[in-house]
Amino acid sequence: MQPGLRLVWLAEQAHLYLALAAAAGKRAWVNGASIGEGPAGYLWLTPVTLRAGQNLLEWELVAEQAVNLRAAWAFVRDPARFRRPEWLTSPSAPVRDSRVRFTAHFSIPFAPVEGALHVGTALPCRVLINGTEIGRQGGFDPYGFMMRVQRYTTLPFGRVPIP
């Protein structure tokens, strides 16, 4: 079990959302009052009301398996803008010598200046944005089969063709 404790000060009362992310079961309290237990999954977004002045945020994380437990939290006004994808996984068991492709399509309503993408895989992969390869990872690994997360910074973002 991993407890957390933070003090937050606001000039005036605010209706916000607590975003609590961790690979664990989650429970939280604001100013001593329980705000509940998070659902299954990595990210829990739940509405909270913070009073003017000092507010106490407490949480408890319980890992379901032995992990190096890390967590992130934030108070946000618009939960839809904060949502992050969960891990993308194949819907069926892997098949030797097969190819798995994950794609996502989205629009950005402005000309981006910078961007970053994190890709985690235990096997070789290519990372493309708008058909342009921005990176590769995996391949020869003298340390054995192991999940690795690589950060790809697309600076300047303009080097990738944006339709």
Protein backbone atom coordinates (compact mmCIF):
# COMPACT_ATOMS: atom_id res chain seq x y z
CA MET A 1 0.00 0.00 0.00
CA GLN A 2 1.29 3.46 -0.94
CA PRO A 3 -0.31 6.49 0.79
CA GLY A 4 -0.12 10.01 -0.62
CA LEU A 5 -0.77 13.40 0.97
CA ARG A 6 -0.83 16.88 -0.59
CA LEU A 7 -1.98 20.32 0.51
CA VAL A 8 -3.60 22.54 -2.12
CA TRP A 9 -4.53 26.21 -1.61
CA LEU A 10 -7.15 28.05 -3.68
CA ALA A 11 -8.22 31.69 -3.61
CA GLU A 12 -11.88 30.69 -4.09
CA GLN A 13 -14.03 27.56 -4.13
CA ALA A 14 -13.73 25.48 -7.31
CA HIS A 15 -15.57 22.53 -8.85
CA LEU A 16 -12.83 20.45 -10.45
CA TYR A 17 -11.91 16.86 -11.29
CA LEU A 18 -9.25 14.83 -9.54
CA ALA A 19 -7.11 12.91 -12.03
CA LEU A 20 -5.25 10.10 -10.24
CA ALA A 21 -3.20 7.75 -12.39
CA ALA A 22 -1.40 4.60 -11.22
CA ALA A 23 -1.16 0.90 -11.98
CA ALA A 24 -2.99 0.14 -8.74
CA GLY A 25 -6.32 0.21 -6.94
CA LYS A 26 -7.12 3.76 -5.83
CA ARG A 27 -9.03 5.45 -2.98
CA ALA A 28 -9.02 9.17 -2.23
CA TRP A 29 -10.20 11.73 0.32
CA VAL A 30 -10.53 15.51 0.13
CA ASN A 31 -10.52 17.37 3.45
CA GLY A 32 -11.13 14.11 5.28
CA ALA A 33 -14.23 13.14 3.24
CA SER A 34 -14.03 10.04 1.05
CA ILE A 35 -14.51 10.70 -2.66
CA GLY A 36 -14.61 6.98 -3.41
CA GLU A 37 -12.65 4.23 -5.07
CA GLY A 38 -11.33 4.39 -8.61
CA PRO A 39 -12.55 1.96 -11.26
CA ALA A 40 -10.30 -0.64 -12.90
CA GLY A 41 -7.74 0.92 -15.21
CA TYR A 42 -4.84 3.30 -14.94
CA LEU A 43 -6.59 6.70 -14.88
CA TRP A 44 -9.34 7.72 -12.47
CA LEU A 45 -11.15 11.02 -13.10
CA THR A 46 -13.71 12.02 -10.48
CA PRO A 47 -15.48 15.32 -9.66
CA VAL A 48 -14.43 17.15 -6.49
CA THR A 49 -15.24 20.48 -4.86
CA LEU A 50 -12.35 22.32 -3.26
CA ARG A 51 -13.02 25.10 -0.80
CA ALA A 52 -11.35 28.48 -0.68
CA GLY A 53 -8.13 28.28 1.29
CA GLN A 54 -6.27 25.14 2.20
CA ASN A 55 -7.46 21.70 1.06
CA LEU A 56 -6.03 18.32 2.04
CA LEU A 57 -5.85 15.62 -0.66
CA GLU A 58 -5.09 12.10 0.52
CA TRP A 59 -4.94 8.90 -1.52
CA GLU A 60 -4.15 5.23 -1.09
CA LEU A 61 -2.77 3.02 -3.85
CA VAL A 62 -2.76 -0.79 -3.66
CA ALA A 63 -0.80 -2.57 -6.38
CA GLU A 64 -2.32 -5.81 -7.67
CA GLN A 65 1.13 -7.26 -8.38
CA ALA A 66 4.73 -6.48 -7.46
CA VAL A 67 5.66 -3.34 -9.43
CA ASN A 68 7.76 -0.22 -9.05
CA LEU A 69 4.65 1.82 -8.32
CA ARG A 70 4.52 5.31 -9.77
CA ALA A 71 1.59 7.70 -9.74
CA ALA A 72 0.55 11.08 -11.07
CA TRP A 73 -2.23 13.38 -9.94
CA ALA A 74 -3.75 16.70 -10.98
CA PHE A 75 -6.82 18.82 -10.44
CA VAL A 76 -8.33 19.68 -13.83
CA ARG A 77 -11.30 21.69 -15.07
CA ASP A 78 -12.03 19.68 -18.22
CA PRO A 79 -11.53 15.91 -17.84
CA ALA A 80 -11.90 15.27 -21.59
CA ARG A 81 -8.81 17.39 -22.26
CA PHE A 82 -6.80 15.49 -19.66
CA ARG A 83 -7.65 11.91 -20.70
CA ARG A 84 -4.69 9.83 -21.69
CA PRO A 85 -4.85 6.51 -23.51
CA GLU A 86 -4.46 3.30 -21.58
CA TRP A 87 -1.95 0.74 -22.79
CA LEU A 88 -2.80 -0.45 -26.28
CA THR A 89 -2.82 -4.23 -26.43
CA SER A 90 -3.67 -6.82 -29.02
CA PRO A 91 -7.18 -8.30 -28.64
CA SER A 92 -5.84 -11.85 -29.06
CA ALA A 93 -2.76 -13.85 -28.17
CA PRO A 94 0.37 -13.08 -30.20
CA VAL A 95 1.15 -15.34 -33.15
CA ARG A 96 4.73 -16.02 -34.16
CA ASP A 97 5.90 -14.03 -37.22
CA SER A 98 2.69 -11.97 -37.32
CA ARG A 99 2.40 -8.20 -37.55
CA VAL A 100 0.37 -6.04 -35.17
CA ARG A 101 -0.51 -2.50 -36.20
CA PHE A 102 -1.97 0.19 -33.94
CA THR A 103 -3.24 3.34 -35.57
CA ALA A 104 -4.98 6.44 -34.36
CA HIS A 105 -6.42 9.36 -36.29
CA PHE A 106 -6.98 12.77 -34.74
CA SER A 107 -6.98 16.41 -35.73
CA ILE A 108 -5.12 19.24 -34.08
CA PRO A 109 -6.95 22.54 -34.61
CA PHE A 110 -3.75 24.60 -34.58
CA ALA A 111 -0.20 24.45 -35.94
CA PRO A 112 1.71 22.52 -33.25
CA VAL A 113 5.07 23.83 -32.15
CA GLU A 114 6.24 20.70 -30.36
CA GLY A 115 5.07 17.26 -29.39
CA ALA A 116 6.15 14.08 -27.63
CA LEU A 117 5.07 10.47 -27.94
CA HIS A 118 5.90 7.58 -25.59
CA VAL A 119 5.94 4.07 -27.07
CA GLY A 120 6.37 0.96 -24.94
CA THR A 121 7.13 -2.40 -26.52
CA ALA A 122 9.07 -5.56 -25.81
CA LEU A 123 9.59 -6.24 -29.53
CA PRO A 124 10.83 -4.26 -32.53
CA CYS A 125 8.59 -1.51 -33.87
CA ARG A 126 8.52 1.51 -36.16
CA VAL A 127 6.84 4.77 -35.12
CA LEU A 128 5.26 6.87 -37.88
CA ILE A 129 3.36 10.16 -37.88
CA ASN A 130 1.43 10.95 -41.06
CA GLY A 131 3.40 8.21 -42.82
CA THR A 132 6.79 9.66 -41.83
CA GLU A 133 8.98 7.47 -39.65
CA ILE A 134 10.06 9.35 -36.52
CA GLY A 135 11.75 6.41 -34.81
CA ARG A 136 12.42 2.72 -34.34
CA GLN A 137 13.01 0.65 -31.28
CA GLY A 138 13.69 -2.96 -30.36
CA GLY A 139 15.66 -5.47 -32.36
CA PHE A 140 18.84 -6.93 -30.88
CA ASP A 141 18.57 -6.97 -27.10
CA PRO A 142 21.43 -8.66 -25.24
CA TYR A 143 19.54 -8.33 -21.94
CA GLY A 144 16.62 -10.57 -22.92
CA PHE A 145 12.90 -10.02 -23.39
CA MET A 146 11.96 -6.81 -21.61
CA MET A 147 9.42 -4.01 -21.99
CA ARG A 148 11.05 -0.71 -22.89
CA VAL A 149 9.45 2.72 -23.17
CA GLN A 150 11.01 5.20 -25.57
CA ARG A 151 10.21 8.91 -25.82
CA TYR A 152 10.01 10.39 -29.33
CA THR A 153 10.21 14.16 -29.45
CA THR A 154 8.86 15.60 -32.66
CA LEU A 155 10.73 18.90 -32.49
CA PRO A 156 10.18 20.83 -34.56
CA PHE A 157 6.79 19.31 -35.24
CA GLY A 158 6.86 20.93 -38.68
CA ARG A 159 9.34 18.35 -39.96
CA VAL A 160 6.46 15.86 -40.03
CA PRO A 161 4.01 16.58 -42.86
CA ILE A 162 0.71 17.82 -41.37
CA PRO A 163 -2.20 17.57 -43.83
